Amino acid sequence: MIVCKNLTFSYSPTKKFSFPDIQCNDREALLILGQSGTGKTTLLHLLGLLLTPESGELLLNGQSLRSLSATEAAGVRRARQIGIIYQRAHFVRSLSVLDNILLANFLADQKQDKARAILLAEQLGIGEHLAKKPHQLSQGEQQRVSIARALMNNPALILADEPTASLDDVNCQKVVELLKQQSLSIGASLVVVTHDRRLTDAFPKQVRL
């Protein structure tokens, strides 16, 4: 379960954000909607411990994350607690798609689970691309590789930044269903931030920024 209360963040004296209180329970999905400039990505980065809030409280499964050092925050992410799907995918160009997905296991000091990587790739419709390099894929295919990698370690919290922005309607639906299915099956909280209004009908619980 992820909870934030009275969360604020400032990039400068003239660029400040105050976020609404949110709570997303285990096996629950939360959609955070907002247009560009409303702080969607900033909020996701705060929840993912990539940024430190200026004030407020942030809890993951009852543990306060507010005062963690950068090293401690990285440790929480590596300990399989948080899986982040970035708006812009980041890959090791020299590795195959399969090895980029398996990189999640390596970075978490876990045994590489090739069977799970292949299964996730097939569920996302990119199974035939596993031997390719990431730069050989379309933007939408790269996004689905990023999703597979974020799910590899069964995180307690799944954070997705515009996961469907570069997908057509069919793959948009496929990705949403997989994310929701995975959060249910592994008992994770799922938080999706987006401006994509195609997702509104799929998420009963919503927050607007």
C-alpha atoms as a PDB file:
ATOM      1  CA  MET A   1       0.000   0.000   0.000  1.00  0.00           C
ATOM      2  CA  ILE A   2       1.268   3.459  -0.918  1.00  0.00           C
ATOM      3  CA  VAL A   3       0.086   6.557   0.964  1.00  0.00           C
ATOM      4  CA  CYS A   4       1.073  10.196   0.565  1.00  0.00           C
ATOM      5  CA  LYS A   5      -0.175  13.130   2.643  1.00  0.00           C
ATOM      6  CA  ASN A   6       0.428  16.867   2.203  1.00  0.00           C
ATOM      7  CA  LEU A   7       3.180  16.167  -0.327  1.00  0.00           C
ATOM      8  CA  THR A   8       4.946  19.208  -1.800  1.00  0.00           C
ATOM      9  CA  PHE A   9       7.916  19.709  -4.090  1.00  0.00           C
ATOM     10  CA  SER A  10       9.688  22.758  -5.519  1.00  0.00           C
ATOM     11  CA  TYR A  11      11.966  23.043  -8.521  1.00  0.00           C
ATOM     12  CA  SER A  12      12.375  26.771  -7.864  1.00  0.00           C
ATOM     13  CA  PRO A  13      10.615  29.558  -5.938  1.00  0.00           C
ATOM     14  CA  THR A  14       8.304  30.034  -8.908  1.00  0.00           C
ATOM     15  CA  LYS A  15       7.714  26.362  -9.747  1.00  0.00           C
ATOM     16  CA  LYS A  16       6.082  24.623  -6.815  1.00  0.00           C
ATOM     17  CA  PHE A  17       3.689  21.703  -6.590  1.00  0.00           C
ATOM     18  CA  SER A  18       1.260  20.680  -3.857  1.00  0.00           C
ATOM     19  CA  PHE A  19      -0.299  17.278  -4.411  1.00  0.00           C
ATOM     20  CA  PRO A  20      -3.599  15.827  -3.206  1.00  0.00           C
ATOM     21  CA  ASP A  21      -3.490  13.083  -0.603  1.00  0.00           C
ATOM     22  CA  ILE A  22      -3.605   9.637  -2.181  1.00  0.00           C
ATOM     23  CA  GLN A  23      -3.881   6.065  -0.983  1.00  0.00           C
ATOM     24  CA  CYS A  24      -3.573   2.988  -3.164  1.00  0.00           C
ATOM     25  CA  ASN A  25      -4.054  -0.339  -1.415  1.00  0.00           C
ATOM     26  CA  ASP A  26      -2.582  -3.711  -2.315  1.00  0.00           C
ATOM     27  CA  ARG A  27      -4.190  -5.143  -5.477  1.00  0.00           C
ATOM     28  CA  GLU A  28      -5.714  -1.730  -6.184  1.00  0.00           C
ATOM     29  CA  ALA A  29      -5.240   0.471  -9.252  1.00  0.00           C
ATOM     30  CA  LEU A  30      -5.180   4.268  -9.168  1.00  0.00           C
ATOM     31  CA  LEU A  31      -5.280   6.542 -12.213  1.00  0.00           C
ATOM     32  CA  ILE A  32      -3.814  10.039 -11.834  1.00  0.00           C
ATOM     33  CA  LEU A  33      -4.982  12.319 -14.655  1.00  0.00           C
ATOM     34  CA  GLY A  34      -3.598  15.695 -15.602  1.00  0.00           C
ATOM     35  CA  GLN A  35      -2.470  17.795 -18.509  1.00  0.00           C
ATOM     36  CA  SER A  36       1.147  18.754 -19.186  1.00  0.00           C
ATOM     37  CA  GLY A  37       2.615  20.938 -16.471  1.00  0.00           C
ATOM     38  CA  THR A  38       0.355  19.717 -13.660  1.00  0.00           C
ATOM     39  CA  GLY A  39       3.144  17.698 -12.011  1.00  0.00           C
ATOM     40  CA  LYS A  40       2.152  14.142 -12.979  1.00  0.00           C
ATOM     41  CA  THR A  41       5.707  12.951 -13.612  1.00  0.00           C
ATOM     42  CA  THR A  42       6.997  14.856 -10.591  1.00  0.00           C
ATOM     43  CA  LEU A  43       4.473  13.050  -8.375  1.00  0.00           C
ATOM     44  CA  LEU A  44       5.423   9.685  -9.854  1.00  0.00           C
ATOM     45  CA  HIS A  45       9.119  10.408  -9.253  1.00  0.00           C
ATOM     46  CA  LEU A  46       8.340  11.306  -5.642  1.00  0.00           C
ATOM     47  CA  LEU A  47       6.436   8.045  -5.175  1.00  0.00           C
ATOM     48  CA  GLY A  48       9.324   6.165  -6.823  1.00  0.00           C
ATOM     49  CA  LEU A  49      11.926   7.814  -4.547  1.00  0.00           C
ATOM     50  CA  LEU A  50      13.656   9.475  -7.491  1.00  0.00           C
ATOM     51  CA  LEU A  51      12.912  12.883  -5.941  1.00  0.00           C
ATOM     52  CA  THR A  52      12.735  13.929  -2.276  1.00  0.00           C
ATOM     53  CA  PRO A  53       9.613  15.840  -1.184  1.00  0.00           C
ATOM     54  CA  GLU A  54       9.973  19.268   0.330  1.00  0.00           C
ATOM     55  CA  SER A  55       7.335  18.396   2.914  1.00  0.00           C
ATOM     56  CA  GLY A  56       4.650  15.829   3.627  1.00  0.00           C
ATOM     57  CA  GLU A  57       4.522  12.130   4.397  1.00  0.00           C
ATOM     58  CA  LEU A  58       5.152   9.163   2.117  1.00  0.00           C
ATOM     59  CA  LEU A  59       4.525   5.571   3.269  1.00  0.00           C
ATOM     60  CA  LEU A  60       5.014   2.245   1.520  1.00  0.00           C
ATOM     61  CA  ASN A  61       3.491  -0.739   3.316  1.00  0.00           C
ATOM     62  CA  GLY A  62       3.562   1.242   6.539  1.00  0.00           C
ATOM     63  CA  GLN A  63       7.233   2.243   6.225  1.00  0.00           C
ATOM     64  CA  SER A  64       7.997   5.946   6.109  1.00  0.00           C
ATOM     65  CA  LEU A  65      10.048   6.843   3.035  1.00  0.00           C
ATOM     66  CA  ARG A  66      10.232  10.566   3.746  1.00  0.00           C
ATOM     67  CA  SER A  67      13.706  10.708   5.303  1.00  0.00           C
ATOM     68  CA  LEU A  68      15.569   8.010   3.369  1.00  0.00           C
ATOM     69  CA  SER A  69      19.015   8.873   2.067  1.00  0.00           C
ATOM     70  CA  ALA A  70      19.714   8.502  -1.659  1.00  0.00           C
ATOM     71  CA  THR A  71      21.483   5.196  -0.952  1.00  0.00           C
ATOM     72  CA  GLU A  72      18.598   3.910   1.171  1.00  0.00           C
ATOM     73  CA  ALA A  73      16.070   4.948  -1.484  1.00  0.00           C
ATOM     74  CA  ALA A  74      18.037   3.111  -4.165  1.00  0.00           C
ATOM     75  CA  GLY A  75      18.079   0.091  -1.865  1.00  0.00           C
ATOM     76  CA  VAL A  76      14.275   0.118  -1.599  1.00  0.00           C
ATOM     77  CA  ARG A  77      13.987   0.189  -5.403  1.00  0.00           C
ATOM     78  CA  ARG A  78      16.553  -2.601  -5.793  1.00  0.00           C
ATOM     79  CA  ALA A  79      14.842  -4.711  -3.131  1.00  0.00           C
ATOM     80  CA  ARG A  80      12.011  -5.373  -5.571  1.00  0.00           C
ATOM     81  CA  GLN A  81       9.615  -3.026  -3.795  1.00  0.00           C
ATOM     82  CA  ILE A  82       9.124  -0.539  -6.641  1.00  0.00           C
ATOM     83  CA  GLY A  83       8.838  -1.151 -10.375  1.00  0.00           C
ATOM     84  CA  ILE A  84       8.895   2.008 -12.509  1.00  0.00           C
ATOM     85  CA  ILE A  85       7.721   2.294 -16.116  1.00  0.00           C
ATOM     86  CA  TYR A  86       9.251   5.510 -17.420  1.00  0.00           C
ATOM     87  CA  GLN A  87       7.677   7.690 -20.085  1.00  0.00           C
ATOM     88  CA  ARG A  88      10.917   7.486 -22.054  1.00  0.00           C
ATOM     89  CA  ALA A  89      12.385   3.988 -22.094  1.00  0.00           C
ATOM     90  CA  HIS A  90      16.030   3.520 -21.033  1.00  0.00           C
ATOM     91  CA  PHE A  91      17.961   0.555 -22.414  1.00  0.00           C
ATOM     92  CA  VAL A  92      21.479  -0.820 -22.742  1.00  0.00           C
ATOM     93  CA  ARG A  93      21.887  -0.535 -26.501  1.00  0.00           C
ATOM     94  CA  SER A  94      24.385  -3.382 -26.800  1.00  0.00           C
ATOM     95  CA  LEU A  95      22.014  -5.890 -25.155  1.00  0.00           C
ATOM     96  CA  SER A  96      19.134  -7.736 -26.790  1.00  0.00           C
ATOM     97  CA  VAL A  97      15.534  -7.026 -25.828  1.00  0.00           C
ATOM     98  CA  LEU A  98      15.495 -10.220 -23.742  1.00  0.00           C
ATOM     99  CA  ASP A  99      18.681  -9.279 -21.894  1.00  0.00           C
ATOM    100  CA  ASN A 100      17.343  -5.773 -21.238  1.00  0.00           C
ATOM    101  CA  ILE A 101      14.289  -7.326 -19.595  1.00  0.00           C
ATOM    102  CA  LEU A 102      16.463  -9.746 -17.593  1.00  0.00           C
ATOM    103  CA  LEU A 103      18.555  -6.791 -16.443  1.00  0.00           C
ATOM    104  CA  ALA A 104      15.877  -6.159 -13.816  1.00  0.00           C
ATOM    105  CA  ASN A 105      16.778  -9.467 -12.134  1.00  0.00           C
ATOM    106  CA  PHE A 106      20.491  -8.721 -12.293  1.00  0.00           C
ATOM    107  CA  LEU A 107      20.161  -5.258 -10.737  1.00  0.00           C
ATOM    108  CA  ALA A 108      18.068  -6.700  -7.895  1.00  0.00           C
ATOM    109  CA  ASP A 109      20.626  -9.484  -7.263  1.00  0.00           C
ATOM    110  CA  GLN A 110      18.053 -12.064  -8.280  1.00  0.00           C
ATOM    111  CA  LYS A 111      18.382 -15.204 -10.363  1.00  0.00           C
ATOM    112  CA  GLN A 112      17.539 -14.469 -13.982  1.00  0.00           C
ATOM    113  CA  ASP A 113      14.039 -15.741 -14.746  1.00  0.00           C
ATOM    114  CA  LYS A 114      14.105 -16.218 -18.502  1.00  0.00           C
ATOM    115  CA  ALA A 115      10.762 -18.032 -18.554  1.00  0.00           C
ATOM    116  CA  ARG A 116       9.001 -15.075 -16.900  1.00  0.00           C
ATOM    117  CA  ALA A 117      10.684 -12.606 -19.265  1.00  0.00           C
ATOM    118  CA  ILE A 118       9.480 -14.575 -22.283  1.00  0.00           C
ATOM    119  CA  LEU A 119       5.973 -14.904 -20.837  1.00  0.00           C
ATOM    120  CA  LEU A 120       5.664 -11.172 -20.165  1.00  0.00           C
ATOM    121  CA  ALA A 121       6.989 -10.379 -23.644  1.00  0.00           C
ATOM    122  CA  GLU A 122       4.442 -12.696 -25.230  1.00  0.00           C
ATOM    123  CA  GLN A 123       1.608 -11.225 -23.164  1.00  0.00           C
ATOM    124  CA  LEU A 124       2.643  -7.765 -24.361  1.00  0.00           C
ATOM    125  CA  GLY A 125       2.894  -8.829 -28.008  1.00  0.00           C
ATOM    126  CA  ILE A 126       6.663  -8.437 -28.336  1.00  0.00           C
ATOM    127  CA  GLY A 127       7.682 -12.084 -28.049  1.00  0.00           C
ATOM    128  CA  GLU A 128       9.012 -12.171 -31.604  1.00  0.00           C
ATOM    129  CA  HIS A 129      11.364  -9.258 -30.908  1.00  0.00           C
ATOM    130  CA  LEU A 130      13.390 -10.727 -28.030  1.00  0.00           C
ATOM    131  CA  ALA A 131      16.552 -11.308 -30.094  1.00  0.00           C
ATOM    132  CA  LYS A 132      16.535  -7.781 -31.517  1.00  0.00           C
ATOM    133  CA  LYS A 133      18.259  -4.717 -30.120  1.00  0.00           C
ATOM    134  CA  PRO A 134      15.981  -2.063 -28.571  1.00  0.00           C
ATOM    135  CA  HIS A 135      16.790   0.520 -31.257  1.00  0.00           C
ATOM    136  CA  GLN A 136      15.306  -1.836 -33.857  1.00  0.00           C
ATOM    137  CA  LEU A 137      11.871  -1.544 -32.256  1.00  0.00           C
ATOM    138  CA  SER A 138       9.186   1.087 -32.649  1.00  0.00           C
ATOM    139  CA  GLN A 139       8.526   3.515 -29.808  1.00  0.00           C
ATOM    140  CA  GLY A 140       5.430   1.594 -28.779  1.00  0.00           C
ATOM    141  CA  GLU A 141       7.328  -1.704 -28.764  1.00  0.00           C
ATOM    142  CA  GLN A 142      10.094  -0.145 -26.666  1.00  0.00           C
ATOM    143  CA  GLN A 143       7.484   1.021 -24.184  1.00  0.00           C
ATOM    144  CA  ARG A 144       6.190  -2.533 -23.840  1.00  0.00           C
ATOM    145  CA  VAL A 145       9.752  -3.792 -23.221  1.00  0.00           C
ATOM    146  CA  SER A 146      10.015  -1.220 -20.440  1.00  0.00           C
ATOM    147  CA  ILE A 147       6.755  -2.501 -18.949  1.00  0.00           C
ATOM    148  CA  ALA A 148       7.966  -6.113 -19.028  1.00  0.00           C
ATOM    149  CA  ARG A 149      11.190  -5.139 -17.263  1.00  0.00           C
ATOM    150  CA  ALA A 150       9.329  -3.208 -14.546  1.00  0.00           C
ATOM    151  CA  LEU A 151       7.189  -6.264 -13.776  1.00  0.00           C
ATOM    152  CA  MET A 152      10.019  -8.815 -13.670  1.00  0.00           C
ATOM    153  CA  ASN A 153      10.661  -8.708  -9.915  1.00  0.00           C
ATOM    154  CA  ASN A 154       7.018  -8.720  -8.738  1.00  0.00           C
ATOM    155  CA  PRO A 155       7.246  -5.267  -7.110  1.00  0.00           C
ATOM    156  CA  ALA A 156       5.010  -4.185  -4.233  1.00  0.00           C
ATOM    157  CA  LEU A 157       4.368  -0.894  -6.069  1.00  0.00           C
ATOM    158  CA  ILE A 158       4.058  -0.476  -9.838  1.00  0.00           C
ATOM    159  CA  LEU A 159       4.426   3.090 -11.106  1.00  0.00           C
ATOM    160  CA  ALA A 160       3.641   3.852 -14.748  1.00  0.00           C
ATOM    161  CA  ASP A 161       4.317   7.204 -16.427  1.00  0.00           C
ATOM    162  CA  GLU A 162       2.190   7.564 -19.595  1.00  0.00           C
ATOM    163  CA  PRO A 163       2.427   3.810 -20.345  1.00  0.00           C
ATOM    164  CA  THR A 164      -0.007   3.993 -23.282  1.00  0.00           C
ATOM    165  CA  ALA A 165       0.931   7.315 -24.871  1.00  0.00           C
ATOM    166  CA  SER A 166       2.600   5.744 -27.915  1.00  0.00           C
ATOM    167  CA  LEU A 167       0.259   2.754 -28.289  1.00  0.00           C
ATOM    168  CA  ASP A 168      -2.688   2.180 -30.596  1.00  0.00           C
ATOM    169  CA  ASP A 169      -6.095   1.360 -29.132  1.00  0.00           C
ATOM    170  CA  VAL A 170      -5.606  -2.430 -29.244  1.00  0.00           C
ATOM    171  CA  ASN A 171      -2.234  -2.395 -27.501  1.00  0.00           C
ATOM    172  CA  CYS A 172      -3.423   0.309 -25.108  1.00  0.00           C
ATOM    173  CA  GLN A 173      -6.135  -2.048 -23.878  1.00  0.00           C
ATOM    174  CA  LYS A 174      -3.680  -4.963 -23.741  1.00  0.00           C
ATOM    175  CA  VAL A 175      -1.195  -3.014 -21.612  1.00  0.00           C
ATOM    176  CA  VAL A 176      -3.842  -1.729 -19.200  1.00  0.00           C
ATOM    177  CA  GLU A 177      -5.251  -5.207 -18.663  1.00  0.00           C
ATOM    178  CA  LEU A 178      -1.794  -6.709 -18.121  1.00  0.00           C
ATOM    179  CA  LEU A 179      -0.834  -4.042 -15.578  1.00  0.00           C
ATOM    180  CA  LYS A 180      -4.059  -4.539 -13.653  1.00  0.00           C
ATOM    181  CA  GLN A 181      -3.765  -8.320 -13.849  1.00  0.00           C
ATOM    182  CA  GLN A 182      -0.178  -8.247 -12.609  1.00  0.00           C
ATOM    183  CA  SER A 183      -0.987  -5.942  -9.698  1.00  0.00           C
ATOM    184  CA  LEU A 184      -3.770  -8.315  -8.656  1.00  0.00           C
ATOM    185  CA  SER A 185      -1.712 -11.480  -9.023  1.00  0.00           C
ATOM    186  CA  ILE A 186       1.319 -10.236  -7.073  1.00  0.00           C
ATOM    187  CA  GLY A 187      -0.595  -8.121  -4.549  1.00  0.00           C
ATOM    188  CA  ALA A 188       0.894  -4.831  -5.745  1.00  0.00           C
ATOM    189  CA  SER A 189      -0.414  -1.286  -5.742  1.00  0.00           C
ATOM    190  CA  LEU A 190      -0.654   0.134  -9.279  1.00  0.00           C
ATOM    191  CA  VAL A 191      -0.393   3.886  -9.890  1.00  0.00           C
ATOM    192  CA  VAL A 192      -0.693   5.182 -13.469  1.00  0.00           C
ATOM    193  CA  VAL A 193      -0.138   8.844 -14.331  1.00  0.00           C
ATOM    194  CA  THR A 194      -1.340   9.987 -17.733  1.00  0.00           C
ATOM    195  CA  HIS A 195      -3.226  12.479 -19.860  1.00  0.00           C
ATOM    196  CA  ASP A 196      -4.579   9.586 -21.984  1.00  0.00           C
ATOM    197  CA  ARG A 197      -8.344   9.708 -21.478  1.00  0.00           C
ATOM    198  CA  ARG A 198      -8.761   6.289 -23.101  1.00  0.00           C
ATOM    199  CA  LEU A 199      -7.838   4.891 -19.674  1.00  0.00           C
ATOM    200  CA  THR A 200     -10.605   6.562 -17.670  1.00  0.00           C
ATOM    201  CA  ASP A 201     -13.161   3.773 -18.093  1.00  0.00           C
ATOM    202  CA  ALA A 202     -10.655   1.119 -16.953  1.00  0.00           C
ATOM    203  CA  PHE A 203      -9.877   2.738 -13.573  1.00  0.00           C
ATOM    204  CA  PRO A 204     -12.749   3.291 -11.117  1.00  0.00           C
ATOM    205  CA  LYS A 205     -10.396   5.043  -8.681  1.00  0.00           C
ATOM    206  CA  GLN A 206      -9.036   8.326 -10.073  1.00  0.00           C
ATOM    207  CA  VAL A 207      -7.316  11.522  -8.950  1.00  0.00           C
ATOM    208  CA  ARG A 208      -7.140  14.634 -11.110  1.00  0.00           C
ATOM    209  CA  LEU A 209      -4.297  17.138 -10.823  1.00  0.00           C
END
